[in-house]
Protein backbone atom coordinates (compact mmCIF):
# COMPACT_ATOMS: atom_id res chain seq x y z
CA UNK A 1 112.14 -46.76 -24.37
CA UNK A 2 112.36 -43.61 -22.20
CA UNK A 3 112.27 -43.93 -18.60
CA UNK A 4 109.38 -41.81 -17.05
CA UNK A 5 110.33 -38.04 -15.74
CA UNK A 6 110.50 -38.44 -12.03
CA UNK A 7 108.23 -36.26 -10.54
CA UNK A 8 109.14 -33.48 -7.43
CA UNK A 9 107.38 -33.13 -4.65
CA UNK A 10 108.55 -29.57 -3.48
CA UNK A 11 105.55 -27.85 -2.43
CA UNK A 12 103.73 -30.85 -1.34
CA UNK A 13 102.08 -30.35 1.63
CA UNK A 14 101.23 -32.91 4.31
CA UNK A 15 100.00 -33.14 7.92
CA UNK A 16 101.65 -35.16 10.21
CA UNK A 17 102.71 -35.73 13.76
CA UNK A 18 106.10 -35.06 14.64
CA UNK A 19 108.21 -38.14 16.36
CA UNK A 20 111.92 -37.82 17.61
CA UNK A 21 114.58 -35.64 16.72
CA UNK A 22 117.42 -36.70 14.43
CA UNK A 23 120.71 -35.63 13.54
CA UNK A 24 120.99 -32.67 12.02
CA UNK A 25 118.49 -30.12 13.46
CA UNK A 26 115.09 -32.21 12.35
CA UNK A 27 112.50 -34.44 13.34
CA UNK A 28 111.05 -37.44 12.05
CA UNK A 29 107.89 -37.78 10.97
CA UNK A 30 105.95 -39.97 8.32
CA UNK A 31 103.03 -39.48 6.06
CA UNK A 32 100.01 -41.26 6.14
CA UNK A 33 101.23 -43.33 3.05
CA UNK A 34 104.33 -44.12 5.54
CA UNK A 35 106.84 -41.92 3.53
CA UNK A 36 109.67 -40.62 5.70
CA UNK A 37 109.94 -36.91 6.44
CA UNK A 38 112.71 -34.79 7.79
CA UNK A 39 111.00 -31.49 9.30
CA UNK A 40 112.60 -28.71 10.52
CA UNK A 41 111.22 -26.07 12.79
CA UNK A 42 108.67 -28.62 14.21
CA UNK A 43 109.15 -30.35 17.80
CA UNK A 44 108.51 -33.84 18.78
CA UNK A 45 105.09 -34.38 19.50
CA UNK A 46 103.36 -31.66 17.73
CA UNK A 47 100.69 -31.72 14.78
CA UNK A 48 102.12 -29.87 11.94
CA UNK A 49 101.47 -28.93 8.25
CA UNK A 50 104.72 -29.80 6.66
CA UNK A 51 106.04 -28.46 3.21
CA UNK A 52 108.17 -30.50 1.19
CA UNK A 53 111.41 -28.58 0.26
CA UNK A 54 113.13 -31.35 -1.17
CA UNK A 55 112.70 -34.67 -2.83
CA UNK A 56 111.26 -36.49 -5.53
CA UNK A 57 108.67 -39.67 -5.89
CA UNK A 58 111.53 -42.09 -5.77
CA UNK A 59 113.81 -40.45 -3.06
CA UNK A 60 114.04 -42.71 0.18
CA UNK A 61 112.90 -39.53 2.15
CA UNK A 62 111.91 -36.01 1.89
CA UNK A 63 113.21 -32.24 3.65
CA UNK A 64 110.66 -30.28 4.88
CA UNK A 65 109.46 -27.46 6.81
CA UNK A 66 106.84 -27.16 9.60
CA UNK A 67 105.30 -24.21 8.21
CA UNK A 68 102.09 -24.31 10.28
CA UNK A 69 101.67 -25.82 13.95
CA UNK A 70 98.72 -26.93 14.33
CA UNK A 71 99.25 -28.83 17.54
CA UNK A 72 102.29 -27.35 19.62
CA UNK A 73 104.71 -28.43 21.86
CA UNK A 74 105.28 -26.76 25.65
CA UNK A 75 108.89 -26.38 24.77
CA UNK A 76 108.17 -24.20 21.49
CA UNK A 77 108.70 -20.19 21.73
CA UNK A 78 108.17 -17.84 19.39
CA UNK A 79 111.59 -17.56 17.49
CA UNK A 80 113.27 -14.41 18.83
CA UNK A 81 115.02 -13.91 15.41
CA UNK A 82 113.19 -12.49 12.48
CA UNK A 83 115.42 -13.86 10.13
CA UNK A 84 114.32 -17.56 11.39
CA UNK A 85 112.16 -19.62 10.15
CA UNK A 86 110.94 -21.61 7.16
CA UNK A 87 112.73 -20.35 3.90
CA UNK A 88 114.81 -17.96 5.85
CA UNK A 89 117.89 -18.20 7.32
CA UNK A 90 119.88 -21.37 7.72
CA UNK A 91 122.07 -20.89 10.54
CA UNK A 92 119.88 -21.63 13.80
CA UNK A 93 118.22 -24.74 13.90
CA UNK A 94 116.41 -24.41 17.02
CA UNK A 95 115.21 -20.62 18.27
CA UNK A 96 111.63 -21.85 18.40
CA UNK A 97 112.79 -24.24 21.25
CA UNK A 98 113.18 -23.17 25.15
CA UNK A 99 117.01 -23.12 25.51
CA UNK A 100 116.42 -26.04 28.36
CA UNK A 101 114.64 -27.54 25.08
CA UNK A 102 117.52 -27.58 22.66
CA UNK A 103 119.97 -28.70 25.26
CA UNK A 104 117.70 -31.65 25.94
CA UNK A 105 117.47 -32.52 22.33
CA UNK A 106 120.77 -32.09 22.08
CA UNK A 107 121.23 -35.12 24.58
CA UNK A 108 118.88 -37.21 22.69
CA UNK A 109 120.98 -37.06 19.46
CA UNK A 110 123.94 -37.66 21.28
CA UNK A 111 122.32 -40.84 23.20
CA UNK A 112 120.86 -41.96 19.91
CA UNK A 113 124.10 -41.82 18.07
CA UNK A 114 125.75 -44.00 20.51
CA UNK A 115 123.15 -46.68 20.96
CA UNK A 116 122.92 -47.18 17.36
CA UNK A 117 126.92 -46.59 16.06
CA UNK A 118 128.19 -47.75 19.36
CA UNK A 119 125.90 -49.78 21.00
CA UNK A 120 126.62 -47.66 24.38
CA UNK A 121 123.62 -46.60 26.29
CA UNK A 122 124.32 -43.45 27.97
CA UNK A 123 125.55 -45.06 31.54
CA UNK A 124 128.02 -47.08 29.56
CA UNK A 125 129.66 -44.06 28.38
CA UNK A 126 129.84 -42.93 31.71
CA UNK A 127 127.43 -40.01 30.99
CA UNK A 128 125.04 -38.54 32.88
CA UNK A 129 122.80 -37.53 29.75
CA UNK A 130 123.17 -33.93 30.29
CA UNK A 131 124.24 -31.22 28.08
CA UNK A 132 125.86 -28.15 29.74
CA UNK A 133 125.42 -25.01 28.61
CA UNK A 134 128.60 -22.84 28.84
CA UNK A 135 128.88 -20.14 31.31
CA UNK A 136 127.05 -16.97 31.18
CA UNK A 137 124.78 -18.78 28.06
CA UNK A 138 121.65 -20.19 31.04
CA UNK A 139 119.37 -17.59 29.12
CA UNK A 140 115.37 -17.15 29.33
CA UNK A 141 113.20 -18.59 27.05
CA UNK A 142 113.12 -15.73 24.44
CA UNK A 143 116.92 -14.20 24.92
CA UNK A 144 119.58 -15.20 22.65
CA UNK A 145 123.19 -15.91 23.71
CA UNK A 146 125.79 -13.61 22.01
CA UNK A 147 128.25 -16.27 20.89
CA UNK A 148 129.69 -16.13 17.75
CA UNK A 149 132.54 -15.18 17.57
CA UNK A 150 133.81 -15.64 13.54
CA UNK A 151 130.42 -15.33 11.43
CA UNK A 152 130.84 -15.64 8.12
CA UNK A 153 128.52 -13.43 5.23
CA UNK A 154 127.00 -14.31 2.03
CA UNK A 155 127.26 -11.60 -0.62
CA UNK A 156 123.88 -10.98 -2.56
CA UNK A 157 123.97 -9.77 -6.60
CA UNK A 158 123.86 -6.10 -5.12
CA UNK A 159 126.61 -6.48 -2.44
CA UNK A 160 124.45 -6.79 0.70
CA UNK A 161 125.50 -9.06 3.45
CA UNK A 162 123.07 -11.70 4.59
CA UNK A 163 123.53 -15.53 5.21
CA UNK A 164 122.67 -18.60 3.42
CA UNK A 165 119.47 -20.37 3.45
CA UNK A 166 119.19 -23.59 4.67
CA UNK A 167 120.62 -25.62 2.05
CA UNK A 168 120.88 -23.25 -0.43
CA UNK A 169 123.54 -21.02 -2.26
CA UNK A 170 120.88 -17.89 -2.19
CA UNK A 171 121.11 -14.96 0.34
CA UNK A 172 119.00 -14.18 3.44
CA UNK A 173 119.78 -10.46 3.83
CA UNK A 174 119.74 -9.53 7.39
CA UNK A 175 120.49 -6.29 9.39
CA UNK A 176 121.96 -7.83 12.99
CA UNK A 177 122.15 -11.60 13.56
CA UNK A 178 121.54 -12.29 16.89
CA UNK A 179 123.75 -14.81 17.70
CA UNK A 180 127.09 -12.99 16.63
CA UNK A 181 128.98 -11.62 19.68
CA UNK A 182 129.37 -8.59 20.52
CA UNK A 183 132.82 -7.67 18.44
CA UNK A 184 131.15 -8.99 15.37
CA UNK A 185 127.94 -7.18 15.57
CA UNK A 186 129.77 -3.59 16.63
CA UNK A 187 131.76 -3.54 13.04
CA UNK A 188 128.62 -2.94 11.31
CA UNK A 189 128.88 -5.82 8.46
CA UNK A 190 125.49 -5.51 7.61
CA UNK A 191 125.22 -1.62 6.97
CA UNK A 192 127.36 -1.16 4.27
CA UNK A 193 127.65 -2.75 0.60
CA UNK A 194 130.30 -5.22 -0.39
CA UNK A 195 129.93 -4.62 -4.12
CA UNK A 196 132.40 -7.11 -6.13
CA UNK A 197 132.40 -9.71 -2.97
CA UNK A 198 131.53 -13.17 -2.54
CA UNK A 199 131.52 -13.03 1.35
CA UNK A 200 133.06 -11.03 4.26
CA UNK A 201 133.70 -13.08 7.29
CA UNK A 202 134.30 -11.18 10.52
CA UNK A 203 136.38 -12.46 13.46
CA UNK A 204 136.17 -10.71 17.06
CA UNK A 205 138.80 -12.41 19.38
CA UNK A 206 137.65 -13.12 22.91
CA UNK A 207 140.99 -13.42 23.91
CA UNK A 208 142.23 -10.04 23.40
CA UNK A 209 140.60 -6.52 21.33
CA UNK A 210 141.56 -7.76 17.62
CA UNK A 211 138.84 -7.67 14.82
CA UNK A 212 139.50 -8.59 11.76
CA UNK A 213 137.89 -9.00 8.31
CA UNK A 214 138.59 -11.88 5.66
CA UNK A 215 137.08 -10.63 2.05
CA UNK A 216 136.57 -12.81 -0.79
CA UNK A 217 136.48 -11.23 -4.46
CA UNK A 218 134.51 -12.25 -6.88
CA UNK A 219 136.64 -13.21 -9.72
CA UNK A 220 138.06 -10.53 -11.22
CA UNK A 221 136.68 -8.23 -8.77
CA UNK A 222 138.89 -4.92 -7.18
CA UNK A 223 139.24 -5.10 -3.00
CA UNK A 224 136.73 -2.21 -1.61
CA UNK A 225 137.86 0.37 0.89
CA UNK A 226 137.00 -1.02 4.67
CA UNK A 227 135.80 1.36 6.51
CA UNK A 228 134.02 -0.23 9.33
CA UNK A 229 132.71 1.04 12.59
CA UNK A 230 135.60 -0.55 14.88
CA UNK A 231 139.31 -0.78 14.05
CA UNK A 232 139.86 -3.71 11.68
CA UNK A 233 142.50 -6.13 10.63
CA UNK A 234 141.30 -6.93 7.02
CA UNK A 235 142.74 -10.18 5.32
CA UNK A 236 141.54 -11.05 1.59
CA UNK A 237 141.06 -14.66 0.20
CA UNK A 238 143.19 -15.07 -2.87
CA UNK A 239 140.87 -16.28 -6.00
CA UNK A 240 143.90 -18.46 -7.51
CA UNK A 241 145.39 -20.43 -5.15
CA UNK A 242 142.95 -19.77 -1.90
CA UNK A 243 145.49 -18.24 0.26
CA UNK A 244 144.85 -15.56 2.68
CA UNK A 245 146.75 -12.60 2.32
CA UNK A 246 147.26 -10.04 4.67
CA UNK A 247 145.83 -6.40 3.22
CA UNK A 248 146.42 -4.00 6.37
CA UNK A 249 146.88 -4.73 9.90
CA UNK A 250 148.06 -8.19 11.93
CA UNK A 251 147.47 -10.90 9.78
CA UNK A 252 146.45 -12.63 13.20
CA UNK A 253 144.16 -12.32 16.00
CA UNK A 254 145.27 -13.19 19.86
CA UNK A 255 143.06 -15.60 21.96
CA UNK A 256 143.75 -16.96 25.79
CA UNK A 257 143.16 -20.15 27.08
CA UNK A 258 144.55 -22.15 30.45
CA UNK A 259 146.40 -18.83 30.98
CA UNK A 260 148.20 -18.92 27.86
CA UNK A 261 147.50 -16.24 24.62
CA UNK A 262 147.54 -18.11 20.98
CA UNK A 263 148.09 -16.53 18.07
CA UNK A 264 145.72 -17.38 15.21
CA UNK A 265 146.56 -16.72 12.00
CA UNK A 266 144.66 -15.97 8.52
CA UNK A 267 141.73 -16.97 9.91
CA UNK A 268 142.78 -20.18 11.32
CA UNK A 269 140.56 -22.27 13.58
CA UNK A 270 139.43 -21.16 17.05
CA UNK A 271 136.74 -22.57 19.21
CA UNK A 272 133.99 -19.80 18.32
CA UNK A 273 131.97 -19.56 21.80
CA UNK A 274 134.05 -17.46 23.81
CA UNK A 275 134.37 -19.98 26.77
CA UNK A 276 134.56 -23.04 24.37
CA UNK A 277 138.71 -23.08 24.51
CA UNK A 278 138.42 -22.75 28.31
CA UNK A 279 135.57 -25.50 28.87
CA UNK A 280 137.06 -28.03 26.45
CA UNK A 281 140.72 -27.24 27.91
CA UNK A 282 139.66 -27.55 31.39
CA UNK A 283 137.50 -30.86 29.92
CA UNK A 284 140.56 -32.58 28.10
CA UNK A 285 143.19 -32.32 31.66
CA UNK A 286 140.19 -33.57 34.30
CA UNK A 287 140.03 -36.28 32.41
CA UNK A 288 143.62 -37.58 30.95
CA UNK A 289 145.22 -35.69 34.27
CA UNK A 290 148.55 -35.54 33.15
CA UNK A 291 151.68 -36.84 35.40
CA UNK A 292 155.09 -35.04 35.38
CA UNK A 293 157.06 -37.10 32.60
CA UNK A 294 154.24 -38.28 30.36
CA UNK A 295 154.59 -38.29 26.54
CA UNK A 296 151.49 -37.31 24.80
CA UNK A 297 149.84 -37.07 21.26
CA UNK A 298 148.09 -34.19 20.13
CA UNK A 299 146.12 -34.46 16.92
CA UNK A 300 144.56 -32.03 14.88
CA UNK A 301 146.55 -29.77 16.95
CA UNK A 302 145.51 -26.52 15.34
CA UNK A 303 147.41 -23.35 16.62
CA UNK A 304 148.68 -25.73 19.78
CA UNK A 305 145.93 -25.08 22.80
CA UNK A 306 145.98 -29.05 23.95
CA UNK A 307 149.47 -29.22 23.20
CA UNK A 308 150.11 -26.16 25.66
CA UNK A 309 147.82 -26.78 28.16
CA UNK A 310 149.64 -30.80 28.37
CA UNK A 311 153.45 -29.44 28.50
CA UNK A 312 152.57 -27.25 31.12
CA UNK A 313 151.80 -30.40 33.14
CA UNK A 314 153.97 -33.09 31.89
CA UNK A 315 157.33 -30.49 32.89
CA UNK A 316 160.73 -30.52 31.75
CA UNK A 317 160.58 -34.69 31.77
CA UNK A 318 157.33 -35.09 29.55
CA UNK A 319 157.53 -34.62 25.92
CA UNK A 320 154.54 -33.33 23.53
CA UNK A 321 154.05 -34.22 19.78
CA UNK A 322 151.44 -32.41 18.05
CA UNK A 323 150.60 -32.93 14.64
CA UNK A 324 148.20 -30.36 12.37
CA UNK A 325 147.19 -30.27 8.47
CA UNK A 326 147.49 -26.81 8.07
CA UNK A 327 151.08 -24.94 7.16
CA UNK A 328 149.93 -21.48 8.96
CA UNK A 329 148.05 -23.23 12.08
CA UNK A 330 151.96 -24.90 12.12
CA UNK A 331 153.00 -21.75 12.31
CA UNK A 332 151.07 -20.51 14.30
CA UNK A 333 151.56 -23.47 16.94
CA UNK A 334 155.37 -23.33 16.81
CA UNK A 335 155.26 -19.48 17.71
CA UNK A 336 152.77 -19.89 20.38
CA UNK A 337 154.60 -22.92 21.98
CA UNK A 338 158.44 -21.69 21.36
CA UNK A 339 159.12 -21.52 25.23
CA UNK A 340 158.73 -25.12 25.36
CA UNK A 341 161.49 -27.13 24.53
CA UNK A 342 159.36 -30.23 25.06
CA UNK A 343 156.89 -29.85 22.53
CA UNK A 344 157.52 -30.93 18.79
CA UNK A 345 154.97 -29.67 15.87
CA UNK A 346 154.60 -31.80 13.01
CA UNK A 347 152.96 -30.72 9.89
CA UNK A 348 150.74 -33.04 7.61
CA UNK A 349 148.22 -35.34 7.70
CA UNK A 350 147.89 -37.33 10.96
CA UNK A 351 147.69 -40.47 9.17
CA UNK A 352 150.49 -40.02 7.25
CA UNK A 353 152.93 -38.35 9.66
CA UNK A 354 152.27 -40.33 12.99
CA UNK A 355 153.40 -43.82 11.48
CA UNK A 356 156.18 -42.09 10.13
CA UNK A 357 157.55 -41.31 13.68
CA UNK A 358 157.46 -44.66 14.65
CA UNK A 359 156.19 -43.78 17.70
CA UNK A 360 155.36 -47.89 19.26
CA UNK A 361 154.25 -46.45 22.59
CA UNK A 362 153.08 -43.05 24.54
CA UNK A 363 151.36 -42.12 27.83
CA UNK A 364 148.11 -39.50 26.74
CA UNK A 365 146.69 -39.09 23.60
CA UNK A 366 144.32 -35.82 22.76
CA UNK A 367 142.51 -35.73 19.39
CA UNK A 368 140.32 -33.02 17.99
CA UNK A 369 139.42 -34.46 14.05
CA UNK A 370 137.17 -32.56 11.97
CA UNK A 371 133.85 -33.29 11.77
CA UNK A 372 134.07 -36.54 9.81
CA UNK A 373 136.51 -37.91 12.55
CA UNK A 374 139.30 -40.02 12.87
CA UNK A 375 138.45 -42.92 11.08
CA UNK A 376 139.20 -46.62 11.38
CA UNK A 377 142.70 -46.76 10.52
CA UNK A 378 144.04 -43.83 12.52
CA UNK A 379 142.02 -45.43 15.58
CA UNK A 380 143.49 -48.86 15.45
CA UNK A 381 147.03 -47.49 15.33
CA UNK A 382 146.34 -45.44 18.43
CA UNK A 383 144.79 -47.71 19.70
CA UNK A 384 147.91 -50.19 19.37
CA UNK A 385 150.07 -47.56 21.35
CA UNK A 386 148.66 -48.05 25.02
CA UNK A 387 147.87 -44.93 26.38
CA UNK A 388 146.83 -45.06 29.76
CA UNK A 389 143.96 -42.10 28.69
CA UNK A 390 142.47 -40.59 25.66
CA UNK A 391 140.59 -38.02 25.28
CA UNK A 392 138.50 -37.59 22.15
CA UNK A 393 137.52 -33.68 21.85
CA UNK A 394 134.04 -34.08 18.94
CA UNK A 395 131.96 -31.54 17.34
CA UNK A 396 130.01 -34.81 15.73
CA UNK A 397 128.27 -37.45 17.63
CA UNK A 398 127.77 -39.61 14.84
CA UNK A 399 131.73 -39.00 14.28
CA UNK A 400 132.53 -39.64 17.92
CA UNK A 401 130.24 -42.93 18.23
CA UNK A 402 131.85 -44.13 14.87
CA UNK A 403 135.03 -44.25 16.51
CA UNK A 404 134.26 -45.28 20.04
CA UNK A 405 133.57 -48.28 18.51
CA UNK A 406 136.25 -48.42 16.49
CA UNK A 407 138.52 -47.77 19.71
CA UNK A 408 136.58 -50.96 21.38
CA UNK A 409 137.49 -53.28 18.90
CA UNK A 410 140.97 -51.93 19.94
CA UNK A 411 140.66 -52.70 23.38
CA UNK A 412 139.39 -49.08 24.80
CA UNK A 413 136.85 -48.28 26.81
CA UNK A 414 134.44 -44.81 27.46
CA UNK A 415 135.26 -43.97 31.10
CA UNK A 416 133.21 -40.64 30.87
CA UNK A 417 131.32 -38.55 28.41
CA UNK A 418 130.73 -34.63 28.86
CA UNK A 419 128.61 -32.82 26.76
CA UNK A 420 128.40 -28.64 26.29
CA UNK A 421 126.38 -26.79 24.47
CA UNK A 422 129.09 -24.67 22.46
CA UNK A 423 126.56 -24.16 19.75
CA UNK A 424 123.32 -22.42 21.17
CA UNK A 425 120.01 -22.31 19.09
CA UNK A 426 121.99 -24.45 16.43
CA UNK A 427 122.17 -28.43 16.31
CA UNK A 428 125.80 -28.61 16.91
CA UNK A 429 127.28 -30.15 19.82
CA UNK A 430 130.59 -30.75 21.64
CA UNK A 431 131.63 -33.70 23.23
CA UNK A 432 134.69 -34.69 25.78
CA UNK A 433 134.81 -38.54 25.78
CA UNK A 434 137.61 -40.12 27.98
CA UNK A 435 138.97 -43.10 26.86
CA UNK A 436 140.87 -46.17 29.25
CA UNK A 437 142.24 -49.43 28.69
CA UNK A 438 139.49 -52.66 29.25
CA UNK A 439 141.35 -53.77 32.78
């Protein structure tokens, strides 16, 4: 006997009362029949018509867009960007919310994740509940900070540059991205066509005038002659090994933080907001309070941002070990920190390299793991090293809360937590948690 075909609910519309914000840039609502909707382009307390974008009769929940606002929140504004809204660009989640409301919503998400996954109230996490804007980002409603120093443009079949629609490979062709930093916008990526390219990434270093474009060709396509509105280095992604190779210009950009210059090669990781690296270094150093002679670990160390800051503060008697999986990032970190005999950088995954070091104790630890977090085994290992302070830098509040729970099992508590709005208009938020052993 054949199973009956599952009925798609895409396109169905429901009039709903919008409930609380949820992790991921949407709010929760329920239909009259009790079915859960994750609704984008809505705000808590609103009454909207929600059109289903994903889901079937058997789905545990449905995804939907608020296509008509029947009763608006006082926090709602007209989205400044013409490419924001239902069915359009998926890059920004909160263009329709006042800047202060965006930060408040992010704070509610952090609080909910801490409570649900770590069993902590904001007070127990040493957090005052606020999400701080970056310097210069506190703008009136309707104005958008130009903060994104790296933009990955998708290219459609005709060669036009744009951005992906939400949870889709479809391209929303644009003529300007409002959150792109001035250095990216002035390259004029959107003004020309990119035949044969799958994507074009534009990078405008905030620590120098360096500009870079990284081209990813479609299989078998030839690279175009790149003529943009400003001088720029060009790199390409190899279709066979995924490596990034120089076409012309420098293979790196130069960034600045904590009075040091850092080389970041081949499109490697650096914080996207121009104020982010400095903001996070200060938060981490203020939390760790390094002393002369301390030993420290910098895990998932990238090009050595935190390792360099710690090395400056622990002096010649101290020692810092950085661990990073990316080969090019390790080369850059070793170059960036070559003046320090007290710094060593190892390449490999943290969970593999750290046990091999046979380190049994350390004074300080900073970890800035990828979005998935560090995980139970790594946290268990770190909790056994007896560090006086641990700084955990997190771009995902759910992963942070899960790992805080593991640290709690290992005898550590959160001393302070700070949250920074380093991704305005999106649902992303950066946190720095300082942990210490339970006395």
